[in-house]
Amino acid sequence: MAYSDKDWPQGTQTLGRGLSIILAVKAGVDTLSELALEIGCTRSTTQRLTAALLQQGWLRLKSMGRYGLGEKLTTLTTQAQAATPLLGLAAPLLQNLNDTTGRMVHLGVRSDSAVIYLMRLDGRAPLTIRNRTGQHLPLARTGAGRALILDETESDWARLYRTSYRHMPAGLSSWINRMRFYRSTDCVFDLEDDEIGIHCVASPVRDATGCIVASISVTGRASDMPLLRMKALAPQVRQTASLLSAKLGWHELSDVAD
């Protein structure tokens, strides 16, 4: 169990339970019954705590009674991330990619099993999509998210897939095969995986140690970005990611194959 009343001073246990609920939701525990088990409280007590967190904006209610992190928390996360030098180094490179492609560009980073968008530059043509700056989205569903996990093991891929696609277990094998190909090219294609009618090309950004610390993506309508166009955009996205990686101290040992 992640939480114990004994870990908190007398009179602060309710605060501890609330914070433990937030941490549990962040880790992927998102139903009322699972949260009650996590903090060791009755369903009714857990429901009162989650209701208060929902009212104050620390949690939000997703479809089918599942909980997600609220706007108040994602805003604080974004502000904390903005204090790092990553945004300053990435901004001119993303602006150039945005200018040359004319399409929506994102910078994403990982938070456990989710991707957070730190920056979003709209394209020349209006594009309405669900994601927004500061939002948490499942890693396995988005191009930007999958670019962040290209170096993970296949068992980790499978775990993240099951977290993101709870109701599509039969799709795991083909998804793993796609990930193998994307790892070989250092570039991920989102083919309406997260949102119908939306395509995305994404590539990972590495730090001086070679670890993936961010991802850069270009997003557009599927009708405007068919597979052939996505393949043409891939080198630009990879090049932008490589330039940002170089600014972070990463030196590639060899060229990435197309």
Protein backbone atom coordinates (compact mmCIF):
# COMPACT_ATOMS: atom_id res chain seq x y z
CA MET A 1 0.00 0.00 0.00
CA ALA A 2 1.36 3.42 -1.00
CA TYR A 3 -0.23 5.33 1.91
CA SER A 4 -0.25 4.88 5.68
CA ASP A 5 -1.76 7.18 8.33
CA LYS A 6 1.34 6.48 10.44
CA ASP A 7 3.48 8.40 7.92
CA TRP A 8 1.64 11.65 8.68
CA PRO A 9 1.51 13.71 11.91
CA GLN A 10 -1.71 13.67 13.91
CA GLY A 11 -4.33 15.87 12.26
CA THR A 12 -2.79 15.77 8.76
CA GLN A 13 -3.94 12.30 7.63
CA THR A 14 -6.67 13.71 5.41
CA LEU A 15 -4.08 15.82 3.59
CA GLY A 16 -1.90 12.75 3.20
CA ARG A 17 -4.75 10.73 1.75
CA GLY A 18 -5.58 13.48 -0.72
CA LEU A 19 -1.99 13.78 -1.90
CA SER A 20 -1.73 10.00 -2.16
CA ILE A 21 -4.82 9.97 -4.39
CA ILE A 22 -3.20 12.51 -6.71
CA LEU A 23 0.03 10.49 -6.85
CA ALA A 24 -1.93 7.29 -7.51
CA VAL A 25 -3.87 8.89 -10.38
CA LYS A 26 -0.59 10.19 -11.79
CA ALA A 27 0.74 6.60 -11.71
CA GLY A 28 -2.30 5.27 -13.59
CA VAL A 29 -4.64 4.20 -10.77
CA ASP A 30 -7.83 5.86 -11.99
CA THR A 31 -10.99 4.18 -10.67
CA LEU A 32 -12.69 4.82 -7.34
CA SER A 33 -12.36 1.21 -6.17
CA GLU A 34 -8.64 1.10 -7.08
CA LEU A 35 -8.01 4.41 -5.32
CA ALA A 36 -9.81 3.22 -2.19
CA LEU A 37 -7.57 0.15 -2.13
CA GLU A 38 -4.48 2.29 -2.73
CA ILE A 39 -5.07 4.57 0.28
CA GLY A 40 -6.67 1.91 2.48
CA CYS A 41 -9.95 3.78 2.98
CA THR A 42 -13.61 2.89 2.47
CA ARG A 43 -15.24 3.67 -0.85
CA SER A 44 -17.37 6.42 0.70
CA THR A 45 -14.35 8.15 2.29
CA THR A 46 -12.41 7.93 -0.96
CA GLN A 47 -15.40 9.31 -2.86
CA ARG A 48 -15.57 12.34 -0.54
CA LEU A 49 -11.86 13.01 -1.03
CA THR A 50 -11.99 12.68 -4.81
CA ALA A 51 -15.08 14.91 -4.94
CA ALA A 52 -13.18 17.64 -3.10
CA LEU A 53 -10.17 17.26 -5.39
CA LEU A 54 -12.46 17.43 -8.43
CA GLN A 55 -14.16 20.57 -7.14
CA GLN A 56 -10.83 22.33 -6.58
CA GLY A 57 -9.40 21.34 -9.97
CA TRP A 58 -6.71 18.92 -8.78
CA LEU A 59 -8.49 16.02 -10.49
CA ARG A 60 -10.81 15.71 -13.46
CA LEU A 61 -13.35 13.03 -14.31
CA LYS A 62 -12.75 11.24 -17.61
CA SER A 63 -15.06 8.87 -19.45
CA MET A 64 -16.47 5.75 -17.76
CA GLY A 65 -15.86 7.08 -14.25
CA ARG A 66 -12.08 7.22 -14.48
CA TYR A 67 -10.02 9.99 -12.93
CA GLY A 68 -7.24 12.08 -14.46
CA LEU A 69 -5.02 14.91 -13.26
CA GLY A 70 -6.81 18.25 -13.18
CA GLU A 71 -5.97 21.56 -14.84
CA LYS A 72 -4.60 23.08 -11.64
CA LEU A 73 -1.96 20.37 -11.35
CA THR A 74 -1.01 20.33 -15.04
CA THR A 75 -0.61 24.11 -14.97
CA LEU A 76 1.82 23.86 -12.05
CA THR A 77 3.70 21.08 -13.85
CA THR A 78 4.02 23.19 -16.97
CA GLN A 79 5.29 26.16 -14.99
CA ALA A 80 7.92 23.97 -13.32
CA GLN A 81 9.01 22.52 -16.64
CA ALA A 82 9.24 25.99 -18.16
CA ALA A 83 11.90 26.87 -15.61
CA THR A 84 14.30 24.43 -17.28
CA PRO A 85 16.56 25.50 -20.16
CA LEU A 86 14.88 23.05 -22.54
CA LEU A 87 12.20 25.47 -23.69
CA GLY A 88 14.66 28.27 -24.36
CA LEU A 89 16.87 26.01 -26.45
CA ALA A 90 13.94 24.45 -28.29
CA ALA A 91 11.93 27.59 -29.10
CA PRO A 92 13.89 28.87 -32.15
CA LEU A 93 14.23 25.36 -33.59
CA LEU A 94 10.53 24.65 -33.24
CA GLN A 95 9.69 28.05 -34.69
CA ASN A 96 11.82 27.27 -37.74
CA LEU A 97 10.13 23.87 -38.15
CA ASN A 98 6.76 25.57 -37.80
CA ASP A 99 7.68 28.18 -40.42
CA THR A 100 9.09 25.71 -42.96
CA THR A 101 6.31 23.12 -42.69
CA GLY A 102 3.41 25.47 -42.03
CA ARG A 103 2.00 22.89 -39.63
CA MET A 104 1.33 22.56 -35.92
CA VAL A 105 4.48 21.73 -33.93
CA HIS A 106 4.74 20.31 -30.39
CA LEU A 107 7.47 19.82 -27.81
CA GLY A 108 6.69 17.04 -25.33
CA VAL A 109 8.32 15.53 -22.24
CA ARG A 110 7.54 12.42 -20.24
CA SER A 111 5.74 12.25 -16.90
CA ASP A 112 5.53 8.59 -15.84
CA SER A 113 3.11 6.95 -18.31
CA ALA A 114 2.05 10.24 -19.92
CA VAL A 115 3.42 12.86 -22.30
CA ILE A 116 3.08 16.56 -21.38
CA TYR A 117 3.12 19.17 -24.14
CA LEU A 118 5.36 22.05 -23.06
CA MET A 119 5.03 24.02 -26.27
CA ARG A 120 2.55 24.19 -29.13
CA LEU A 121 2.90 26.32 -32.24
CA ASP A 122 -0.16 26.43 -34.49
CA GLY A 123 0.15 25.93 -38.23
CA ARG A 124 -0.90 28.31 -40.96
CA ALA A 125 -4.17 26.45 -41.51
CA PRO A 126 -6.59 26.24 -38.57
CA LEU A 127 -6.52 22.84 -36.86
CA THR A 128 -8.77 21.83 -34.00
CA ILE A 129 -7.38 19.03 -31.83
CA ARG A 130 -7.99 17.90 -28.26
CA ASN A 131 -4.48 18.28 -26.86
CA ARG A 132 -3.25 21.53 -25.36
CA THR A 133 -0.18 22.85 -23.56
CA GLY A 134 0.20 21.30 -20.12
CA GLN A 135 -2.10 18.38 -20.83
CA HIS A 136 -1.16 14.79 -19.90
CA LEU A 137 -1.84 12.17 -22.60
CA PRO A 138 -1.02 8.44 -22.54
CA LEU A 139 2.44 7.71 -23.97
CA ALA A 140 1.35 4.78 -26.10
CA ARG A 141 -1.45 6.62 -27.91
CA THR A 142 0.39 9.65 -29.30
CA GLY A 143 3.27 10.08 -31.71
CA ALA A 144 5.06 12.45 -29.34
CA GLY A 145 4.54 9.98 -26.50
CA ARG A 146 5.83 6.96 -28.39
CA ALA A 147 8.92 8.90 -29.49
CA LEU A 148 9.72 9.29 -25.79
CA ILE A 149 9.78 5.52 -25.21
CA LEU A 150 11.69 4.27 -28.27
CA ASP A 151 14.58 3.14 -26.06
CA GLU A 152 12.36 1.20 -23.63
CA THR A 153 12.25 -2.60 -23.57
CA GLU A 154 9.44 -4.43 -25.34
CA SER A 155 8.04 -5.52 -21.97
CA ASP A 156 7.83 -1.82 -21.02
CA TRP A 157 6.15 -1.10 -24.33
CA ALA A 158 3.59 -3.81 -23.62
CA ARG A 159 2.91 -2.43 -20.13
CA LEU A 160 2.41 1.10 -21.45
CA TYR A 161 0.19 -0.18 -24.26
CA ARG A 162 -2.07 -1.98 -21.78
CA THR A 163 -2.25 1.18 -19.67
CA SER A 164 -3.28 3.28 -22.68
CA TYR A 165 -5.46 0.76 -24.53
CA ARG A 166 -7.33 -1.06 -21.79
CA HIS A 167 -10.09 -2.19 -24.15
CA MET A 168 -7.91 -3.19 -27.12
CA PRO A 169 -5.65 -6.02 -25.88
CA ALA A 170 -5.72 -7.76 -29.28
CA GLY A 171 -3.86 -4.87 -30.90
CA LEU A 172 -0.67 -5.29 -28.85
CA SER A 173 1.25 -7.48 -31.32
CA SER A 174 0.82 -5.17 -34.31
CA TRP A 175 1.55 -2.14 -32.12
CA ILE A 176 4.83 -3.70 -30.95
CA ASN A 177 5.79 -4.40 -34.57
CA ARG A 178 5.19 -0.76 -35.44
CA MET A 179 7.32 0.33 -32.49
CA ARG A 180 10.18 -1.89 -33.66
CA PHE A 181 10.10 -0.19 -37.04
CA TYR A 182 9.87 3.29 -35.52
CA ARG A 183 12.87 2.55 -33.30
CA SER A 184 14.88 1.55 -36.37
CA THR A 185 14.08 4.87 -38.06
CA ASP A 186 14.13 7.08 -34.91
CA CYS A 187 10.81 8.48 -36.09
CA VAL A 188 7.20 7.72 -35.08
CA PHE A 189 4.04 8.03 -37.19
CA ASP A 190 0.69 8.64 -35.49
CA LEU A 191 -1.90 7.37 -37.97
CA GLU A 192 -5.10 8.50 -36.25
CA ASP A 193 -4.04 6.45 -33.19
CA ASP A 194 -5.10 9.10 -30.67
CA GLU A 195 -7.61 11.19 -32.59
CA ILE A 196 -9.62 10.38 -35.71
CA GLY A 197 -8.58 12.50 -38.69
CA ILE A 198 -5.20 13.53 -37.21
CA HIS A 199 -1.72 12.42 -38.32
CA CYS A 200 1.59 13.19 -36.63
CA VAL A 201 5.32 12.71 -37.24
CA ALA A 202 7.52 12.68 -34.11
CA SER A 203 11.18 12.15 -33.22
CA PRO A 204 13.04 11.87 -29.88
CA VAL A 205 15.42 14.43 -28.36
CA ARG A 206 18.42 13.14 -26.39
CA ASP A 207 20.61 14.71 -23.71
CA ALA A 208 24.39 14.46 -23.35
CA THR A 209 24.12 10.91 -22.00
CA GLY A 210 21.99 9.70 -24.90
CA CYS A 211 18.81 9.43 -22.84
CA ILE A 212 15.56 10.54 -24.46
CA VAL A 213 14.37 13.65 -22.62
CA ALA A 214 11.85 15.17 -25.03
CA SER A 215 10.14 14.73 -28.37
CA ILE A 216 9.35 17.02 -31.28
CA SER A 217 6.32 16.45 -33.48
CA VAL A 218 4.53 17.89 -36.50
CA THR A 219 0.75 17.45 -36.60
CA GLY A 220 -1.84 17.89 -39.33
CA ARG A 221 -5.10 16.60 -40.76
CA ALA A 222 -4.89 13.10 -42.17
CA SER A 223 -6.24 14.41 -45.48
CA ASP A 224 -3.43 17.00 -45.68
CA MET A 225 -0.74 14.68 -44.30
CA PRO A 226 -1.10 11.31 -46.03
CA LEU A 227 1.56 8.67 -45.49
CA LEU A 228 3.64 9.85 -48.46
CA ARG A 229 3.71 13.40 -47.09
CA MET A 230 4.58 12.12 -43.61
CA LYS A 231 7.59 10.26 -45.04
CA ALA A 232 8.72 13.50 -46.69
CA LEU A 233 8.37 15.40 -43.39
CA ALA A 234 10.24 12.78 -41.35
CA PRO A 235 13.79 14.01 -42.20
CA GLN A 236 12.87 17.57 -41.17
CA VAL A 237 11.47 16.42 -37.85
CA ARG A 238 14.48 14.19 -37.19
CA GLN A 239 16.87 16.98 -38.11
CA THR A 240 15.17 19.41 -35.72
CA ALA A 241 15.30 16.83 -32.93
CA SER A 242 18.99 16.20 -33.71
CA LEU A 243 19.79 19.91 -33.55
CA LEU A 244 18.09 20.24 -30.16
CA SER A 245 19.89 17.09 -28.96
CA ALA A 246 23.19 18.64 -30.01
CA LYS A 247 22.36 21.76 -27.98
CA LEU A 248 21.85 19.46 -24.99
CA GLY A 249 25.26 17.88 -25.55
CA TRP A 250 24.37 14.75 -27.52
CA HIS A 251 26.69 13.70 -30.34
CA GLU A 252 25.34 11.09 -32.74
CA LEU A 253 27.70 8.24 -33.55
CA SER A 254 26.16 7.48 -36.92
CA ASP A 255 23.51 8.67 -39.31
CA VAL A 256 19.96 7.45 -38.76
CA ALA A 257 18.60 5.45 -41.66
CA ASP A 258 15.56 6.71 -43.52
